[in-house]
PDB file of N, CA and C in Angstrom:
ATOM      1  N   MET A   1      49.188 135.120 108.671  1.00  0.00           N
ATOM      2  CA  MET A   1      48.795 134.423 109.863  1.00  0.00           C
ATOM      3  C   MET A   1      48.082 133.136 109.469  1.00  0.00           C
ATOM      4  N   PRO A   2      48.511 132.003 110.027  1.00  0.00           N
ATOM      5  CA  PRO A   2      47.796 130.768 109.734  1.00  0.00           C
ATOM      6  C   PRO A   2      46.407 130.808 110.335  1.00  0.00           C
ATOM      7  N   THR A   3      45.460 130.221 109.624  1.00  0.00           N
ATOM      8  CA  THR A   3      44.106 130.201 110.165  1.00  0.00           C
ATOM      9  C   THR A   3      43.993 129.145 111.237  1.00  0.00           C
ATOM     10  N   SER A   4      43.115 129.395 112.190  1.00  0.00           N
ATOM     11  CA  SER A   4      42.855 128.412 113.234  1.00  0.00           C
ATOM     12  C   SER A   4      41.379 128.054 113.191  1.00  0.00           C
ATOM     13  N   LYS A   5      41.066 126.952 113.808  1.00  0.00           N
ATOM     14  CA  LYS A   5      39.693 126.460 113.805  1.00  0.00           C
ATOM     15  C   LYS A   5      38.940 126.934 115.048  1.00  0.00           C
ATOM     16  N   CYS A   6      37.680 127.231 114.885  1.00  0.00           N
ATOM     17  CA  CYS A   6      36.804 127.609 115.981  1.00  0.00           C
ATOM     18  C   CYS A   6      36.587 126.384 116.866  1.00  0.00           C
ATOM     19  N   VAL A   7      36.779 126.545 118.172  1.00  0.00           N
ATOM     20  CA  VAL A   7      36.597 125.420 119.090  1.00  0.00           C
ATOM     21  C   VAL A   7      35.115 125.095 119.301  1.00  0.00           C
ATOM     22  N   LYS A   8      34.234 125.993 118.911  1.00  0.00           N
ATOM     23  CA  LYS A   8      32.796 125.767 119.100  1.00  0.00           C
ATOM     24  C   LYS A   8      32.165 125.037 117.915  1.00  0.00           C
ATOM     25  N   CYS A   9      32.446 125.519 116.682  1.00  0.00           N
ATOM     26  CA  CYS A   9      31.758 124.935 115.522  1.00  0.00           C
ATOM     27  C   CYS A   9      32.698 124.321 114.489  1.00  0.00           C
ATOM     28  N   GLY A  10      34.021 124.540 114.628  1.00  0.00           N
ATOM     29  CA  GLY A  10      34.977 123.954 113.698  1.00  0.00           C
ATOM     30  C   GLY A  10      35.265 124.773 112.457  1.00  0.00           C
ATOM     31  N   SER A  11      34.586 125.889 112.260  1.00  0.00           N
ATOM     32  CA  SER A  11      34.856 126.758 111.107  1.00  0.00           C
ATOM     33  C   SER A  11      36.179 127.483 111.308  1.00  0.00           C
ATOM     34  N   GLU A  12      36.668 128.128 110.244  1.00  0.00           N
ATOM     35  CA  GLU A  12      37.903 128.897 110.359  1.00  0.00           C
ATOM     36  C   GLU A  12      37.641 130.233 111.042  1.00  0.00           C
ATOM     37  N   LEU A  13      38.570 130.624 111.951  1.00  0.00           N
ATOM     38  CA  LEU A  13      38.509 131.951 112.569  1.00  0.00           C
ATOM     39  C   LEU A  13      39.231 132.903 111.626  1.00  0.00           C
ATOM     40  N   ILE A  14      38.483 133.681 110.867  1.00  0.00           N
ATOM     41  CA  ILE A  14      39.121 134.509 109.847  1.00  0.00           C
ATOM     42  C   ILE A  14      38.861 136.003 110.015  1.00  0.00           C
ATOM     43  N   ALA A  15      37.969 136.405 110.884  1.00  0.00           N
ATOM     44  CA  ALA A  15      37.712 137.828 111.076  1.00  0.00           C
ATOM     45  C   ALA A  15      38.597 138.320 112.220  1.00  0.00           C
ATOM     46  N   ALA A  16      39.673 139.038 111.893  1.00  0.00           N
ATOM     47  CA  ALA A  16      40.620 139.532 112.896  1.00  0.00           C
ATOM     48  C   ALA A  16      40.256 140.947 113.321  1.00  0.00           C
ATOM     49  N   GLY A  17      40.637 141.299 114.548  1.00  0.00           N
ATOM     50  CA  GLY A  17      40.366 142.644 115.028  1.00  0.00           C
ATOM     51  C   GLY A  17      40.855 142.844 116.443  1.00  0.00           C
ATOM     52  N   ALA A  18      40.238 143.770 117.162  1.00  0.00           N
ATOM     53  CA  ALA A  18      40.620 144.093 118.538  1.00  0.00           C
ATOM     54  C   ALA A  18      39.355 144.431 119.315  1.00  0.00           C
ATOM     55  N   LEU A  19      39.436 144.311 120.631  1.00  0.00           N
ATOM     56  CA  LEU A  19      38.340 144.725 121.505  1.00  0.00           C
ATOM     57  C   LEU A  19      38.618 146.142 121.983  1.00  0.00           C
ATOM     58  N   TYR A  20      37.619 147.006 121.901  1.00  0.00           N
ATOM     59  CA  TYR A  20      37.781 148.390 122.319  1.00  0.00           C
ATOM     60  C   TYR A  20      36.737 148.754 123.351  1.00  0.00           C
ATOM     61  N   GLY A  21      37.152 149.532 124.331  1.00  0.00           N
ATOM     62  CA  GLY A  21      36.275 150.180 125.292  1.00  0.00           C
ATOM     63  C   GLY A  21      36.603 151.656 125.146  1.00  0.00           C
ATOM     64  N   PRO A  22      36.837 152.354 126.268  1.00  0.00           N
ATOM     65  CA  PRO A  22      37.330 153.727 126.150  1.00  0.00           C
ATOM     66  C   PRO A  22      38.674 153.771 125.417  1.00  0.00           C
ATOM     67  N   ARG A  23      39.421 152.654 125.468  1.00  0.00           N
ATOM     68  CA  ARG A  23      40.659 152.498 124.705  1.00  0.00           C
ATOM     69  C   ARG A  23      40.803 151.016 124.388  1.00  0.00           C
ATOM     70  N   ARG A  24      41.805 150.661 123.612  1.00  0.00           N
ATOM     71  CA  ARG A  24      42.007 149.255 123.266  1.00  0.00           C
ATOM     72  C   ARG A  24      42.296 148.446 124.526  1.00  0.00           C
ATOM     73  N   LEU A  25      41.739 147.256 124.623  1.00  0.00           N
ATOM     74  CA  LEU A  25      41.896 146.429 125.812  1.00  0.00           C
ATOM     75  C   LEU A  25      43.222 145.684 125.800  1.00  0.00           C
ATOM     76  N   SER A  26      43.804 145.561 126.969  1.00  0.00           N
ATOM     77  CA  SER A  26      45.048 144.824 127.137  1.00  0.00           C
ATOM     78  C   SER A  26      44.943 144.009 128.413  1.00  0.00           C
ATOM     79  N   PHE A  27      45.893 143.113 128.603  1.00  0.00           N
ATOM     80  CA  PHE A  27      45.961 142.266 129.774  1.00  0.00           C
ATOM     81  C   PHE A  27      47.096 142.758 130.656  1.00  0.00           C
ATOM     82  N   ARG A  28      46.851 142.894 131.952  1.00  0.00           N
ATOM     83  CA  ARG A  28      47.890 143.318 132.882  1.00  0.00           C
ATOM     84  C   ARG A  28      48.085 142.212 133.915  1.00  0.00           C
ATOM     85  N   PRO A  29      49.169 141.429 133.788  1.00  0.00           N
ATOM     86  CA  PRO A  29      49.375 140.304 134.705  1.00  0.00           C
ATOM     87  C   PRO A  29      49.757 140.772 136.098  1.00  0.00           C
ATOM     88  N   GLU A  30      49.337 139.987 137.103  1.00  0.00           N
ATOM     89  CA  GLU A  30      49.741 140.248 138.476  1.00  0.00           C
ATOM     90  C   GLU A  30      51.175 139.776 138.663  1.00  0.00           C
ATOM     91  N   GLY A  31      51.900 140.392 139.588  1.00  0.00           N
ATOM     92  CA  GLY A  31      53.246 139.947 139.914  1.00  0.00           C
ATOM     93  C   GLY A  31      54.292 140.267 138.869  1.00  0.00           C
ATOM     94  N   THR A  32      54.082 141.310 138.083  1.00  0.00           N
ATOM     95  CA  THR A  32      55.086 141.669 137.089  1.00  0.00           C
ATOM     96  C   THR A  32      56.252 142.385 137.757  1.00  0.00           C
ATOM     97  N   LYS A  33      57.376 142.431 137.042  1.00  0.00           N
ATOM     98  CA  LYS A  33      58.547 143.131 137.564  1.00  0.00           C
ATOM     99  C   LYS A  33      58.208 144.602 137.751  1.00  0.00           C
ATOM    100  N   PHE A  34      58.733 145.185 138.818  1.00  0.00           N
ATOM    101  CA  PHE A  34      58.413 146.575 139.134  1.00  0.00           C
ATOM    102  C   PHE A  34      59.194 147.556 138.273  1.00  0.00           C
ATOM    103  N   LEU A  35      60.495 147.391 138.177  1.00  0.00           N
ATOM    104  CA  LEU A  35      61.319 148.328 137.412  1.00  0.00           C
ATOM    105  C   LEU A  35      61.575 147.777 136.016  1.00  0.00           C
ATOM    106  N   THR A  36      60.907 148.349 135.044  1.00  0.00           N
ATOM    107  CA  THR A  36      61.061 147.933 133.658  1.00  0.00           C
ATOM    108  C   THR A  36      60.830 149.144 132.765  1.00  0.00           C
ATOM    109  N   LEU A  37      61.412 149.112 131.579  1.00  0.00           N
ATOM    110  CA  LEU A  37      61.228 150.211 130.628  1.00  0.00           C
ATOM    111  C   LEU A  37      59.953 150.038 129.815  1.00  0.00           C
ATOM    112  N   GLU A  38      59.271 148.918 129.995  1.00  0.00           N
ATOM    113  CA  GLU A  38      58.045 148.650 129.259  1.00  0.00           C
ATOM    114  C   GLU A  38      56.836 148.899 130.157  1.00  0.00           C
ATOM    115  N   THR A  39      55.690 149.148 129.522  1.00  0.00           N
ATOM    116  CA  THR A  39      54.450 149.218 130.299  1.00  0.00           C
ATOM    117  C   THR A  39      54.083 147.811 130.748  1.00  0.00           C
ATOM    118  N   GLY A  40      53.215 147.693 131.712  1.00  0.00           N
ATOM    119  CA  GLY A  40      52.775 146.391 132.191  1.00  0.00           C
ATOM    120  C   GLY A  40      51.650 145.794 131.371  1.00  0.00           C
ATOM    121  N   ASP A  41      51.254 146.457 130.296  1.00  0.00           N
ATOM    122  CA  ASP A  41      50.141 145.985 129.477  1.00  0.00           C
ATOM    123  C   ASP A  41      50.617 145.011 128.412  1.00  0.00           C
ATOM    124  N   VAL A  42      49.932 143.889 128.309  1.00  0.00           N
ATOM    125  CA  VAL A  42      50.181 142.918 127.251  1.00  0.00           C
ATOM    126  C   VAL A  42      49.044 143.071 126.251  1.00  0.00           C
ATOM    127  N   MET A  43      49.367 143.484 125.033  1.00  0.00           N
ATOM    128  CA  MET A  43      48.331 143.723 124.033  1.00  0.00           C
ATOM    129  C   MET A  43      47.700 142.408 123.593  1.00  0.00           C
ATOM    130  N   THR A  44      46.439 142.480 123.241  1.00  0.00           N
ATOM    131  CA  THR A  44      45.686 141.310 122.829  1.00  0.00           C
ATOM    132  C   THR A  44      45.308 141.414 121.356  1.00  0.00           C
ATOM    133  N   LYS A  45      45.107 140.249 120.744  1.00  0.00           N
ATOM    134  CA  LYS A  45      44.579 140.149 119.388  1.00  0.00           C
ATOM    135  C   LYS A  45      43.305 139.323 119.482  1.00  0.00           C
ATOM    136  N   VAL A  46      42.347 139.627 118.629  1.00  0.00           N
ATOM    137  CA  VAL A  46      41.049 138.973 118.693  1.00  0.00           C
ATOM    138  C   VAL A  46      40.681 138.428 117.322  1.00  0.00           C
ATOM    139  N   HIS A  47      40.119 137.231 117.312  1.00  0.00           N
ATOM    140  CA  HIS A  47      39.562 136.643 116.097  1.00  0.00           C
ATOM    141  C   HIS A  47      38.131 136.218 116.394  1.00  0.00           C
ATOM    142  N   MET A  48      37.263 136.427 115.432  1.00  0.00           N
ATOM    143  CA  MET A  48      35.856 136.074 115.613  1.00  0.00           C
ATOM    144  C   MET A  48      35.430 135.119 114.513  1.00  0.00           C
ATOM    145  N   CYS A  49      34.702 134.081 114.887  1.00  0.00           N
ATOM    146  CA  CYS A  49      34.186 133.116 113.926  1.00  0.00           C
ATOM    147  C   CYS A  49      33.007 133.742 113.184  1.00  0.00           C
ATOM    148  N   ARG A  50      33.048 133.699 111.870  1.00  0.00           N
ATOM    149  CA  ARG A  50      31.950 134.257 111.076  1.00  0.00           C
ATOM    150  C   ARG A  50      30.714 133.372 111.077  1.00  0.00           C
ATOM    151  N   GLU A  51      30.861 132.133 111.510  1.00  0.00           N
ATOM    152  CA  GLU A  51      29.727 131.205 111.500  1.00  0.00           C
ATOM    153  C   GLU A  51      28.919 131.265 112.798  1.00  0.00           C
ATOM    154  N   CYS A  52      29.589 131.184 113.959  1.00  0.00           N
ATOM    155  CA  CYS A  52      28.852 131.105 115.227  1.00  0.00           C
ATOM    156  C   CYS A  52      29.069 132.315 116.138  1.00  0.00           C
ATOM    157  N   GLY A  53      30.047 133.185 115.821  1.00  0.00           N
ATOM    158  CA  GLY A  53      30.264 134.391 116.613  1.00  0.00           C
ATOM    159  C   GLY A  53      31.223 134.240 117.778  1.00  0.00           C
ATOM    160  N   LEU A  54      31.796 133.050 117.965  1.00  0.00           N
ATOM    161  CA  LEU A  54      32.755 132.865 119.058  1.00  0.00           C
ATOM    162  C   LEU A  54      33.917 133.836 118.893  1.00  0.00           C
ATOM    163  N   ILE A  55      34.352 134.452 119.994  1.00  0.00           N
ATOM    164  CA  ILE A  55      35.487 135.364 119.976  1.00  0.00           C
ATOM    165  C   ILE A  55      36.637 134.723 120.726  1.00  0.00           C
ATOM    166  N   GLU A  56      37.816 134.667 120.078  1.00  0.00           N
ATOM    167  CA  GLU A  56      39.034 134.113 120.673  1.00  0.00           C
ATOM    168  C   GLU A  56      40.003 135.252 120.916  1.00  0.00           C
ATOM    169  N   ILE A  57      40.512 135.363 122.148  1.00  0.00           N
ATOM    170  CA  ILE A  57      41.442 136.430 122.509  1.00  0.00           C
ATOM    171  C   ILE A  57      42.806 135.798 122.787  1.00  0.00           C
ATOM    172  N   THR A  58      43.853 136.315 122.146  1.00  0.00           N
ATOM    173  CA  THR A  58      45.209 135.850 122.409  1.00  0.00           C
ATOM    174  C   THR A  58      46.073 137.049 122.771  1.00  0.00           C
ATOM    175  N   GLY A  59      47.115 136.791 123.549  1.00  0.00           N
ATOM    176  CA  GLY A  59      48.003 137.859 123.987  1.00  0.00           C
ATOM    177  C   GLY A  59      49.423 137.641 123.530  1.00  0.00           C
ATOM    178  N   ASP A  60      50.244 138.669 123.683  1.00  0.00           N
ATOM    179  CA  ASP A  60      51.656 138.655 123.312  1.00  0.00           C
ATOM    180  C   ASP A  60      52.437 137.900 124.387  1.00  0.00           C
ATOM    181  N   VAL A  61      52.705 136.608 124.151  1.00  0.00           N
ATOM    182  CA  VAL A  61      53.364 135.784 125.171  1.00  0.00           C
ATOM    183  C   VAL A  61      54.820 136.175 125.391  1.00  0.00           C
ATOM    184  N   GLU A  62      55.484 136.704 124.378  1.00  0.00           N
ATOM    185  CA  GLU A  62      56.877 137.132 124.554  1.00  0.00           C
ATOM    186  C   GLU A  62      56.960 138.280 125.552  1.00  0.00           C
ATOM    187  N   LYS A  63      56.038 139.237 125.448  1.00  0.00           N
ATOM    188  CA  LYS A  63      56.038 140.346 126.403  1.00  0.00           C
ATOM    189  C   LYS A  63      55.667 139.849 127.791  1.00  0.00           C
ATOM    190  N   LEU A  64      54.720 138.930 127.887  1.00  0.00           N
ATOM    191  CA  LEU A  64      54.357 138.361 129.176  1.00  0.00           C
ATOM    192  C   LEU A  64      55.562 137.705 129.836  1.00  0.00           C
ATOM    193  N   ARG A  65      56.362 136.983 129.068  1.00  0.00           N
ATOM    194  CA  ARG A  65      57.569 136.340 129.614  1.00  0.00           C
ATOM    195  C   ARG A  65      58.565 137.381 130.119  1.00  0.00           C
ATOM    196  N   ARG A  66      58.723 138.471 129.349  1.00  0.00           N
ATOM    197  CA  ARG A  66      59.652 139.526 129.804  1.00  0.00           C
ATOM    198  C   ARG A  66      59.176 140.171 131.096  1.00  0.00           C
ATOM    199  N   LEU A  67      57.877 140.386 131.221  1.00  0.00           N
ATOM    200  CA  LEU A  67      57.339 141.061 132.401  1.00  0.00           C
ATOM    201  C   LEU A  67      57.334 140.183 133.644  1.00  0.00           C
ATOM    202  N   THR A  68      57.241 138.884 133.467  1.00  0.00           N
ATOM    203  CA  THR A  68      57.111 138.006 134.620  1.00  0.00           C
ATOM    204  C   THR A  68      58.378 137.208 134.910  1.00  0.00           C
ATOM    205  N   ALA A  69      59.440 137.432 134.139  1.00  0.00           N
ATOM    206  CA  ALA A  69      60.694 136.719 134.377  1.00  0.00           C
ATOM    207  C   ALA A  69      61.318 137.172 135.704  1.00  0.00           C
ATOM    208  N   ASP A  70      62.071 136.276 136.327  1.00  0.00           N
ATOM    209  CA  ASP A  70      62.763 136.624 137.573  1.00  0.00           C
ATOM    210  C   ASP A  70      63.765 137.734 137.298  1.00  0.00           C
ATOM    211  N   ALA A  71      63.878 138.658 138.228  1.00  0.00           N
ATOM    212  CA  ALA A  71      64.789 139.813 138.057  1.00  0.00           C
ATOM    213  C   ALA A  71      66.230 139.369 138.066  1.00  0.00           C
TER     214      ALA A  71
END
């Protein structure tokens, strides 16, 4: 994975991980297709800056496109 820069302090975002509650957190977009073989959850990835603590959350855009595409 290419490193990205922290938008707050400019350091590299190098600590990768996930956000957890009772289970791993995901994004569920509104207006998704009703009949699909996939769940409506879009999994997220998280990176944290080791310098300032900023957390960046990104999601699976390919799955989002499949879920929100016109039927």
